[in-house]
Protein backbone atom coordinates (compact mmCIF):
# COMPACT_ATOMS: atom_id res chain seq x y z
CA MET A 1 60.28 -42.79 -13.18
CA THR A 2 61.96 -43.36 -16.49
CA ILE A 3 65.44 -44.53 -17.70
CA ASN A 4 67.06 -43.65 -20.99
CA CYS A 5 68.11 -46.68 -22.96
CA LYS A 6 69.77 -45.80 -26.19
CA GLY A 7 67.48 -42.67 -26.75
CA THR A 8 64.27 -44.43 -25.76
CA LEU A 9 62.66 -43.46 -22.46
CA ILE A 10 61.40 -46.57 -20.61
CA ASP A 11 58.77 -45.82 -18.17
CA LEU A 12 59.15 -47.70 -14.89
CA ASN A 13 55.95 -46.50 -13.32
CA VAL A 14 54.67 -49.47 -15.22
CA PRO A 15 56.29 -52.66 -13.85
CA ARG A 16 58.66 -54.39 -16.38
CA VAL A 17 60.29 -57.81 -16.69
CA MET A 18 64.01 -58.41 -17.22
CA GLY A 19 64.66 -61.76 -18.61
CA VAL A 20 67.92 -63.70 -17.52
CA LEU A 21 70.33 -65.09 -19.94
CA ASN A 22 73.24 -66.82 -18.18
CA ILE A 23 76.01 -67.85 -20.51
CA THR A 24 77.97 -69.26 -17.60
CA PRO A 25 78.69 -72.92 -17.18
CA ASP A 26 78.17 -72.75 -13.46
CA SER A 27 75.06 -70.54 -12.63
CA PHE A 28 72.90 -71.95 -9.96
CA PHE A 29 69.79 -72.62 -12.16
CA ASP A 30 70.61 -72.54 -15.86
CA GLY A 31 74.35 -72.87 -15.87
CA GLY A 32 75.60 -74.47 -19.24
CA LYS A 33 72.06 -74.45 -20.64
CA TYR A 34 72.63 -71.86 -23.31
CA LYS A 35 75.85 -72.83 -25.10
CA ASP A 36 75.10 -72.37 -28.79
CA GLU A 37 73.79 -69.64 -30.95
CA LYS A 38 70.66 -71.39 -31.92
CA THR A 39 69.61 -72.15 -28.38
CA ILE A 40 70.60 -68.63 -27.30
CA VAL A 41 68.58 -66.97 -30.01
CA SER A 42 65.52 -69.27 -29.35
CA GLN A 43 65.55 -68.64 -25.64
CA VAL A 44 65.90 -64.68 -26.20
CA GLU A 45 63.15 -64.79 -28.87
CA LYS A 46 60.90 -66.57 -26.45
CA MET A 47 61.56 -64.22 -23.70
CA LEU A 48 60.97 -61.19 -25.87
CA ASN A 49 57.72 -62.53 -27.29
CA GLU A 50 56.51 -63.30 -23.68
CA GLY A 51 56.90 -59.60 -22.88
CA ALA A 52 60.39 -58.96 -21.54
CA THR A 53 61.37 -55.33 -21.77
CA PHE A 54 65.06 -56.07 -20.87
CA ILE A 55 67.40 -58.98 -21.51
CA ASP A 56 70.18 -59.38 -18.87
CA VAL A 57 73.21 -61.18 -20.16
CA GLY A 58 75.90 -62.40 -17.71
CA ALA A 59 79.13 -64.24 -18.33
CA GLN A 60 80.35 -64.36 -14.73
CA SER A 61 78.57 -66.48 -12.22
CA SER A 62 77.48 -64.63 -9.08
CA ARG A 63 76.17 -67.57 -7.17
CA PRO A 64 77.43 -67.95 -3.63
CA GLY A 65 81.05 -69.25 -3.65
CA ALA A 66 81.55 -68.58 -7.24
CA GLU A 67 85.14 -68.17 -8.47
CA LEU A 68 85.95 -65.12 -10.47
CA ILE A 69 87.11 -65.59 -14.18
CA SER A 70 89.48 -63.35 -15.85
CA GLU A 71 88.43 -60.07 -17.56
CA LYS A 72 89.59 -61.71 -20.85
CA GLU A 73 87.50 -64.74 -20.40
CA GLU A 74 84.47 -62.66 -19.55
CA LEU A 75 84.89 -60.59 -22.64
CA ASP A 76 85.51 -63.66 -24.72
CA ARG A 77 82.28 -65.18 -23.50
CA ILE A 78 79.95 -62.14 -23.65
CA LEU A 79 80.89 -60.05 -26.57
CA PRO A 80 79.96 -62.62 -29.25
CA ILE A 81 76.64 -62.96 -27.67
CA VAL A 82 75.99 -59.28 -27.42
CA ASN A 83 76.91 -58.96 -31.24
CA LEU A 84 74.73 -62.07 -31.98
CA LEU A 85 71.68 -60.62 -30.14
CA ILE A 86 71.92 -57.00 -31.53
CA ASN A 87 72.26 -58.57 -35.05
CA GLU A 88 69.23 -60.78 -34.53
CA PHE A 89 67.03 -58.32 -32.54
CA PRO A 90 68.15 -54.70 -33.51
CA GLU A 91 65.59 -53.16 -31.03
CA ILE A 92 66.60 -55.35 -28.10
CA VAL A 93 67.32 -53.51 -24.81
CA LEU A 94 70.28 -55.43 -23.62
CA SER A 95 71.47 -55.22 -19.92
CA ILE A 96 75.01 -56.47 -19.15
CA ASP A 97 75.51 -58.22 -15.75
CA THR A 98 79.13 -57.21 -15.00
CA PHE A 99 81.22 -55.47 -12.35
CA ARG A 100 84.10 -54.74 -14.77
CA SER A 101 84.29 -51.32 -16.44
CA LYS A 102 86.15 -52.64 -19.52
CA VAL A 103 83.41 -55.26 -20.07
CA ALA A 104 80.83 -52.62 -19.64
CA GLU A 105 82.45 -50.38 -22.15
CA LYS A 106 82.89 -52.94 -24.77
CA CYS A 107 79.36 -54.22 -24.49
CA ILE A 108 77.83 -50.75 -24.62
CA GLU A 109 80.07 -49.99 -27.69
CA ALA A 110 78.59 -53.13 -29.33
CA GLY A 111 74.98 -52.09 -28.79
CA ALA A 112 74.03 -52.85 -25.26
CA ALA A 113 71.82 -50.39 -23.35
CA LEU A 114 72.48 -50.50 -19.56
CA ILE A 115 74.79 -51.99 -16.92
CA ASN A 116 73.81 -54.40 -14.03
CA ASP A 117 76.56 -54.25 -11.49
CA ILE A 118 76.24 -56.53 -8.48
CA SER A 119 78.79 -54.60 -6.67
CA ALA A 120 77.35 -51.07 -7.24
CA GLY A 121 80.83 -49.96 -8.49
CA ASN A 122 82.70 -51.33 -5.46
CA LEU A 123 84.67 -54.06 -7.25
CA ASP A 124 86.01 -51.86 -10.05
CA LYS A 125 86.39 -48.27 -8.99
CA ALA A 126 86.37 -47.34 -12.69
CA MET A 127 82.76 -48.48 -13.20
CA LEU A 128 80.84 -45.44 -12.15
CA PRO A 129 83.10 -43.02 -14.06
CA LYS A 130 82.74 -45.20 -17.05
CA VAL A 131 79.00 -45.46 -16.84
CA ALA A 132 78.93 -41.67 -16.61
CA GLN A 133 81.09 -41.30 -19.58
CA LEU A 134 79.00 -43.73 -21.57
CA LYS A 135 75.68 -42.03 -20.48
CA VAL A 136 73.78 -45.24 -19.77
CA PRO A 137 71.63 -46.38 -16.91
CA ILE A 138 73.09 -48.57 -14.20
CA ILE A 139 71.57 -51.08 -11.70
CA LEU A 140 73.24 -50.78 -8.32
CA MET A 141 73.00 -53.90 -6.22
CA HIS A 142 73.54 -54.32 -2.55
CA MET A 143 76.28 -56.85 -1.70
CA ARG A 144 79.13 -57.17 0.67
CA GLY A 145 82.56 -58.47 -0.58
CA GLU A 146 82.38 -60.60 -3.74
CA PRO A 147 80.50 -63.84 -4.56
CA LYS A 148 83.15 -66.11 -3.16
CA THR A 149 82.95 -64.38 0.30
CA MET A 150 79.64 -62.71 0.52
CA GLN A 151 77.91 -65.28 2.59
CA GLN A 152 80.53 -64.75 5.41
CA GLN A 153 79.29 -61.05 5.66
CA THR A 154 75.82 -61.20 7.09
CA ASP A 155 76.12 -59.22 10.21
CA TYR A 156 74.02 -56.03 10.27
CA ASN A 157 73.09 -53.66 12.97
CA ASP A 158 69.82 -53.05 11.31
CA LEU A 159 69.31 -54.76 7.89
CA ILE A 160 67.07 -52.31 6.19
CA HIS A 161 68.73 -49.24 7.62
CA ASP A 162 72.19 -50.46 6.69
CA ILE A 163 71.10 -51.26 3.13
CA LEU A 164 69.51 -47.79 2.83
CA LYS A 165 72.87 -46.23 4.07
CA TYR A 166 74.75 -48.36 1.45
CA PHE A 167 72.45 -47.14 -1.23
CA SER A 168 72.71 -43.57 -0.09
CA GLU A 169 76.43 -43.62 -0.34
CA ARG A 170 76.55 -45.49 -3.67
CA ILE A 171 73.81 -43.27 -5.30
CA ALA A 172 75.60 -40.06 -4.05
CA LYS A 173 78.82 -41.34 -5.61
CA ALA A 174 77.19 -42.05 -8.86
CA ARG A 175 75.39 -38.69 -9.06
CA SER A 176 78.52 -36.74 -8.24
CA LEU A 177 80.17 -38.37 -11.30
CA GLY A 178 77.26 -37.59 -13.47
CA VAL A 179 75.25 -40.89 -13.61
CA HIS A 180 71.62 -39.87 -14.21
CA ASP A 181 69.69 -43.06 -14.48
CA ILE A 182 69.83 -45.40 -11.61
CA VAL A 183 67.91 -48.42 -10.52
CA ILE A 184 68.56 -50.16 -7.10
CA ASP A 185 68.57 -53.83 -6.46
CA PRO A 186 68.45 -54.90 -2.81
CA GLY A 187 70.44 -58.07 -3.57
CA PHE A 188 68.27 -61.17 -2.43
CA GLY A 189 70.58 -63.88 -1.66
CA PHE A 190 73.73 -61.76 -1.72
CA SER A 191 75.34 -61.32 1.82
CA LYS A 192 72.10 -62.20 3.54
CA THR A 193 70.83 -65.24 5.40
CA LEU A 194 67.50 -67.02 4.61
CA LYS A 195 65.80 -65.13 7.42
CA GLN A 196 67.31 -61.83 6.38
CA ASN A 197 66.03 -62.29 2.74
CA TYR A 198 62.48 -62.49 4.11
CA GLU A 199 63.00 -59.57 6.49
CA LEU A 200 64.28 -57.54 3.45
CA LEU A 201 61.27 -58.59 1.17
CA LYS A 202 58.79 -57.59 4.03
CA GLY A 203 60.53 -54.14 4.27
CA LEU A 204 61.04 -53.62 0.52
CA ASP A 205 58.73 -50.57 0.39
CA LEU A 206 61.06 -48.86 2.73
CA LEU A 207 63.67 -48.85 -0.01
CA LEU A 208 61.51 -46.56 -1.93
CA SER A 209 62.72 -43.55 0.12
CA PRO A 210 65.50 -42.66 -2.35
CA GLY A 211 63.00 -42.24 -5.05
CA LEU A 212 64.49 -44.68 -7.52
CA PRO A 213 63.11 -47.73 -9.26
CA ILE A 214 63.58 -51.04 -7.48
CA LEU A 215 64.58 -54.24 -9.33
CA THR A 216 64.00 -57.47 -7.49
CA GLY A 217 65.76 -60.79 -8.42
CA LEU A 218 64.00 -63.50 -6.57
CA SER A 219 63.68 -65.92 -9.42
CA ARG A 220 64.27 -69.57 -8.34
CA LYS A 221 66.79 -68.49 -5.60
CA SER A 222 67.70 -70.58 -2.53
CA MET A 223 65.54 -68.31 -0.26
CA ILE A 224 62.61 -70.00 -2.19
CA TYR A 225 63.65 -73.62 -2.68
CA LYS A 226 65.33 -74.07 0.69
CA MET A 227 62.22 -72.73 2.49
CA LEU A 228 60.11 -75.19 0.52
CA GLU A 229 62.53 -77.97 0.58
CA LEU A 230 62.78 -78.18 -3.18
CA ASP A 231 65.22 -77.84 -5.94
CA ALA A 232 65.69 -74.70 -8.00
CA LYS A 233 63.95 -76.42 -10.89
CA ASP A 234 60.87 -76.80 -8.85
CA ALA A 235 60.79 -73.18 -7.51
CA LEU A 236 58.68 -71.51 -10.10
CA ASN A 237 55.52 -71.46 -8.05
CA GLY A 238 57.27 -70.05 -5.07
CA THR A 239 58.96 -67.38 -7.41
CA THR A 240 55.68 -66.30 -8.70
CA ALA A 241 54.21 -65.98 -5.18
CA LEU A 242 57.18 -63.71 -4.11
CA ASN A 243 57.22 -61.77 -7.25
CA MET A 244 53.58 -60.83 -6.74
CA TYR A 245 54.39 -59.73 -3.16
CA ALA A 246 57.40 -57.66 -4.40
CA LEU A 247 55.11 -55.83 -6.85
CA GLN A 248 52.74 -55.05 -4.12
CA LYS A 249 55.68 -53.69 -2.11
CA GLY A 250 56.61 -51.33 -5.03
CA ALA A 251 59.11 -53.26 -7.27
CA SER A 252 59.36 -51.69 -10.72
CA VAL A 253 61.36 -54.47 -12.45
CA LEU A 254 61.25 -58.23 -12.00
CA ARG A 255 64.43 -60.11 -12.99
CA VAL A 256 63.39 -63.52 -13.87
CA HIS A 257 64.10 -66.79 -15.71
CA ASP A 258 60.40 -67.29 -16.47
CA VAL A 259 59.08 -64.20 -18.33
CA LYS A 260 55.53 -65.39 -19.06
CA GLU A 261 54.75 -66.16 -15.38
CA ALA A 262 56.25 -62.81 -14.30
CA MET A 263 54.18 -60.91 -16.91
CA GLU A 264 51.03 -62.55 -15.64
CA CYS A 265 52.01 -61.29 -12.08
CA ILE A 266 52.24 -57.78 -13.29
CA LYS A 267 48.98 -57.96 -15.19
CA LEU A 268 47.14 -59.21 -12.00
CA SER A 269 48.95 -56.80 -9.63
CA THR A 270 48.00 -53.93 -11.93
CA ALA A 271 44.32 -55.02 -11.88
CA LEU A 272 44.48 -54.66 -8.06
CA VAL A 273 45.70 -51.04 -7.96
């Protein structure tokens, strides 16, 4: 399993780490933490040095209940950061966390390499055609509704079956438009209860059936800190435990705030194969 990022084939048969850079003021863990260029460059350099293959930049919070900002505000937040990082790290593989096709287009034009869409093209019908036109990979995530309403939509007939059906439809749509490189993200914490998140993780290997790489975003999420009765800042150990489990279940990419610890998981998991 490979994806083509700006002409470089990245092999996802070897598990990879995606480091998270939130430039939002209200993200659940690191909101408002990276506000100036020096801090942003320092954090990205740290993640790259620790082994991150991808850096995922987001300017719109997707935490439960988050209000949507305007397209203009999202562009005003994210484009200067994309330009900054491409200038500082010319070889960086930047992922853009957005569901808006115009934001995707402008960021790819500025040098980003792939798109991470929490709605799998459902919130902007122009997204999948635009990704096909841009000839870049896309991460399709499972979610119902939008961040503000998603936690009101947790009724499933059969959780794993329903998610597989969702991906089957979204993958077929993307393929029909000419999108070649697809990664799927089961969307932990999105339109799912605490119990459902663990049911999904236990059945993660069933999502391998479409034959596509799986990205898991478990890092410091409420499914960890609520279960352990902690705060997000104290959820690194729990994150590491679940990342290891996800790797054993077939995850190809770990999307994390803490790159060093995720890389250690990959090294140990690989030794067990």
